[in-house]
């Protein structure tokens, strides 16, 4: 099942993409605002191994379900992963879909680096957020960075994230 957002009101609309041929054009009508819009099913292309190796890491953040949003798994890529509240038109590469006002639109950054031995290192730092970034009950200072380990807890406002070093896709 895939999910798309209505371009007008951002309501999530689920659909089963396996029922349609690649290249097909689908017309949707939003259940909330009744906006009609089109979507073309993309041609199926497999990423090359070099593209996959250059961007993917085995780690992800699990956003814990709470009053503001549903459980989410956010995969981490090589380099800087800018984490914050999703806002239409924002340029985050690791957005959290939430209406939690205590999560800034650019809240923190996790930098993923691969060592010469092939291991991955993940460094967390605050991105000058208003409510601060908490790592295991410790608020990070303005220039402080911490090395993340499996199961570490990160708190952004009222939202809790769990760092998973070896994440399996759900």
Protein backbone atom coordinates (compact mmCIF):
# COMPACT_ATOMS: atom_id res chain seq x y z
CA UNK A 1 0.00 0.00 0.00
CA UNK A 2 1.22 3.47 -0.91
CA UNK A 3 0.03 6.74 0.56
CA UNK A 4 -0.22 10.09 -1.21
CA UNK A 5 -1.16 13.50 0.11
CA UNK A 6 -3.88 15.71 -1.28
CA UNK A 7 -2.11 18.77 -2.78
CA UNK A 8 -4.76 21.09 -1.33
CA UNK A 9 -5.44 19.91 2.25
CA UNK A 10 -2.65 17.30 2.69
CA UNK A 11 -5.07 14.51 3.68
CA UNK A 12 -3.38 11.11 3.33
CA UNK A 13 -5.02 8.84 0.74
CA UNK A 14 -3.93 5.17 0.68
CA UNK A 15 -4.02 3.09 -2.52
CA UNK A 16 -2.67 -0.26 -3.75
CA UNK A 17 -0.12 0.53 -6.47
CA UNK A 18 0.29 -3.16 -7.38
CA UNK A 19 -3.17 -3.16 -9.01
CA UNK A 20 -2.05 -0.76 -11.75
CA UNK A 21 0.40 -0.98 -14.64
CA UNK A 22 3.55 1.20 -14.60
CA UNK A 23 2.90 4.36 -16.61
CA UNK A 24 -0.85 4.39 -15.81
CA UNK A 25 -2.45 7.71 -14.89
CA UNK A 26 -4.81 7.60 -11.90
CA UNK A 27 -7.33 10.26 -10.92
CA UNK A 28 -8.01 10.72 -7.20
CA UNK A 29 -10.64 12.73 -5.36
CA UNK A 30 -9.83 13.81 -1.81
CA UNK A 31 -12.39 12.62 0.74
CA UNK A 32 -11.99 15.82 2.79
CA UNK A 33 -11.86 18.76 0.33
CA UNK A 34 -13.04 16.91 -2.85
CA UNK A 35 -10.06 18.18 -4.85
CA UNK A 36 -9.37 16.03 -7.91
CA UNK A 37 -5.78 15.38 -8.92
CA UNK A 38 -3.79 12.99 -11.10
CA UNK A 39 -0.91 10.66 -10.37
CA UNK A 40 1.20 8.71 -12.85
CA UNK A 41 2.42 5.30 -11.63
CA UNK A 42 6.19 5.47 -12.21
CA UNK A 43 8.05 2.91 -14.28
CA UNK A 44 9.69 0.38 -12.01
CA UNK A 45 13.42 0.89 -11.96
CA UNK A 46 15.83 -0.80 -9.64
CA UNK A 47 18.55 1.37 -8.11
CA UNK A 48 22.06 0.36 -9.00
CA UNK A 49 24.23 -1.00 -6.22
CA UNK A 50 26.51 2.04 -6.32
CA UNK A 51 23.55 4.44 -5.89
CA UNK A 52 22.23 2.32 -3.03
CA UNK A 53 25.64 2.14 -1.33
CA UNK A 54 26.21 5.87 -1.67
CA UNK A 55 23.01 6.94 0.10
CA UNK A 56 21.61 4.13 2.26
CA UNK A 57 22.64 3.24 5.79
CA UNK A 58 21.32 0.36 7.88
CA UNK A 59 19.96 2.73 10.55
CA UNK A 60 16.60 4.40 11.12
CA UNK A 61 14.67 6.37 13.70
CA UNK A 62 11.42 5.01 15.09
CA UNK A 63 9.01 7.79 16.04
CA UNK A 64 6.91 6.63 18.96
CA UNK A 65 3.15 6.97 18.56
CA UNK A 66 1.62 9.63 20.81
CA UNK A 67 -1.27 12.09 20.86
CA UNK A 68 0.17 14.11 17.99
CA UNK A 69 0.92 11.47 15.34
CA UNK A 70 1.24 7.81 14.40
CA UNK A 71 4.28 5.53 14.59
CA UNK A 72 6.78 6.24 11.82
CA UNK A 73 10.09 4.75 10.72
CA UNK A 74 12.49 7.27 9.22
CA UNK A 75 15.47 5.72 7.37
CA UNK A 76 18.78 7.54 7.67
CA UNK A 77 21.01 8.33 4.69
CA UNK A 78 24.75 8.90 4.44
CA UNK A 79 25.70 12.47 5.38
CA UNK A 80 23.52 14.98 7.21
CA UNK A 81 19.96 13.90 8.04
CA UNK A 82 18.02 17.06 8.91
CA UNK A 83 15.17 16.11 11.23
CA UNK A 84 12.14 18.25 12.00
CA UNK A 85 8.40 18.73 11.65
CA UNK A 86 7.09 18.25 8.11
CA UNK A 87 5.74 21.44 6.57
CA UNK A 88 4.63 21.59 2.95
CA UNK A 89 7.48 23.03 0.89
CA UNK A 90 10.18 22.30 3.49
CA UNK A 91 13.44 20.75 2.35
CA UNK A 92 14.03 18.24 5.15
CA UNK A 93 15.48 14.87 4.20
CA UNK A 94 14.15 13.17 7.37
CA UNK A 95 10.78 14.81 8.16
CA UNK A 96 8.47 13.79 10.98
CA UNK A 97 4.80 14.00 10.01
CA UNK A 98 3.31 15.62 13.11
CA UNK A 99 1.32 18.60 14.30
CA UNK A 100 3.32 18.73 17.54
CA UNK A 101 4.12 22.47 17.88
CA UNK A 102 7.12 21.75 20.12
CA UNK A 103 9.01 20.11 17.22
CA UNK A 104 10.77 22.75 15.13
CA UNK A 105 10.78 22.54 11.35
CA UNK A 106 14.56 22.07 11.59
CA UNK A 107 15.09 20.52 15.02
CA UNK A 108 18.26 18.40 14.96
CA UNK A 109 20.78 16.75 12.63
CA UNK A 110 22.12 13.20 12.59
CA UNK A 111 25.31 12.81 10.55
CA UNK A 112 25.97 9.30 9.24
CA UNK A 113 29.58 8.48 8.38
CA UNK A 114 31.16 5.22 7.29
CA UNK A 115 34.56 4.37 8.76
CA UNK A 116 37.37 2.91 6.62
CA UNK A 117 36.61 -0.45 8.28
CA UNK A 118 33.04 -0.30 6.92
CA UNK A 119 31.28 0.45 10.22
CA UNK A 120 28.73 3.27 10.49
CA UNK A 121 28.97 6.10 13.04
CA UNK A 122 26.01 8.37 13.79
CA UNK A 123 26.46 11.77 15.45
CA UNK A 124 23.52 13.74 16.86
CA UNK A 125 23.51 17.53 17.30
CA UNK A 126 20.85 20.17 17.97
CA UNK A 127 19.97 22.53 15.11
CA UNK A 128 19.29 25.57 17.33
CA UNK A 129 15.78 24.37 18.12
CA UNK A 130 13.57 26.34 20.50
CA UNK A 131 12.71 23.42 22.83
CA UNK A 132 16.12 21.73 22.54
CA UNK A 133 17.20 18.22 21.64
CA UNK A 134 17.37 15.72 24.48
CA UNK A 135 19.63 12.68 24.31
CA UNK A 136 18.86 10.11 27.02
CA UNK A 137 17.49 12.84 29.41
CA UNK A 138 20.45 15.17 28.71
CA UNK A 139 19.85 18.38 26.77
CA UNK A 140 22.47 18.96 24.09
CA UNK A 141 24.42 22.21 24.23
CA UNK A 142 24.78 24.57 21.25
CA UNK A 143 27.90 22.88 19.82
CA UNK A 144 27.63 19.49 21.55
CA UNK A 145 27.54 16.25 19.56
CA UNK A 146 26.93 12.72 20.82
CA UNK A 147 27.63 9.34 19.27
CA UNK A 148 24.41 7.31 18.91
CA UNK A 149 24.14 3.65 19.86
CA UNK A 150 21.41 1.03 19.34
CA UNK A 151 18.27 1.84 21.35
CA UNK A 152 19.25 5.41 22.33
CA UNK A 153 16.30 7.69 23.05
CA UNK A 154 16.07 11.16 21.50
CA UNK A 155 13.34 13.59 22.56
CA UNK A 156 12.24 16.52 20.42
CA UNK A 157 9.62 18.55 22.29
CA UNK A 158 6.82 16.08 23.11
CA UNK A 159 7.99 13.56 20.48
CA UNK A 160 10.21 10.58 21.29
CA UNK A 161 12.51 8.86 18.79
CA UNK A 162 14.36 5.57 19.22
CA UNK A 163 17.60 5.10 17.27
CA UNK A 164 17.85 1.71 15.55
CA UNK A 165 21.30 0.93 14.19
CA UNK A 166 20.18 -2.10 12.18
CA UNK A 167 16.67 -1.41 11.01
CA UNK A 168 14.62 -3.85 8.94
CA UNK A 169 12.05 -2.29 6.63
CA UNK A 170 8.45 -2.73 7.77
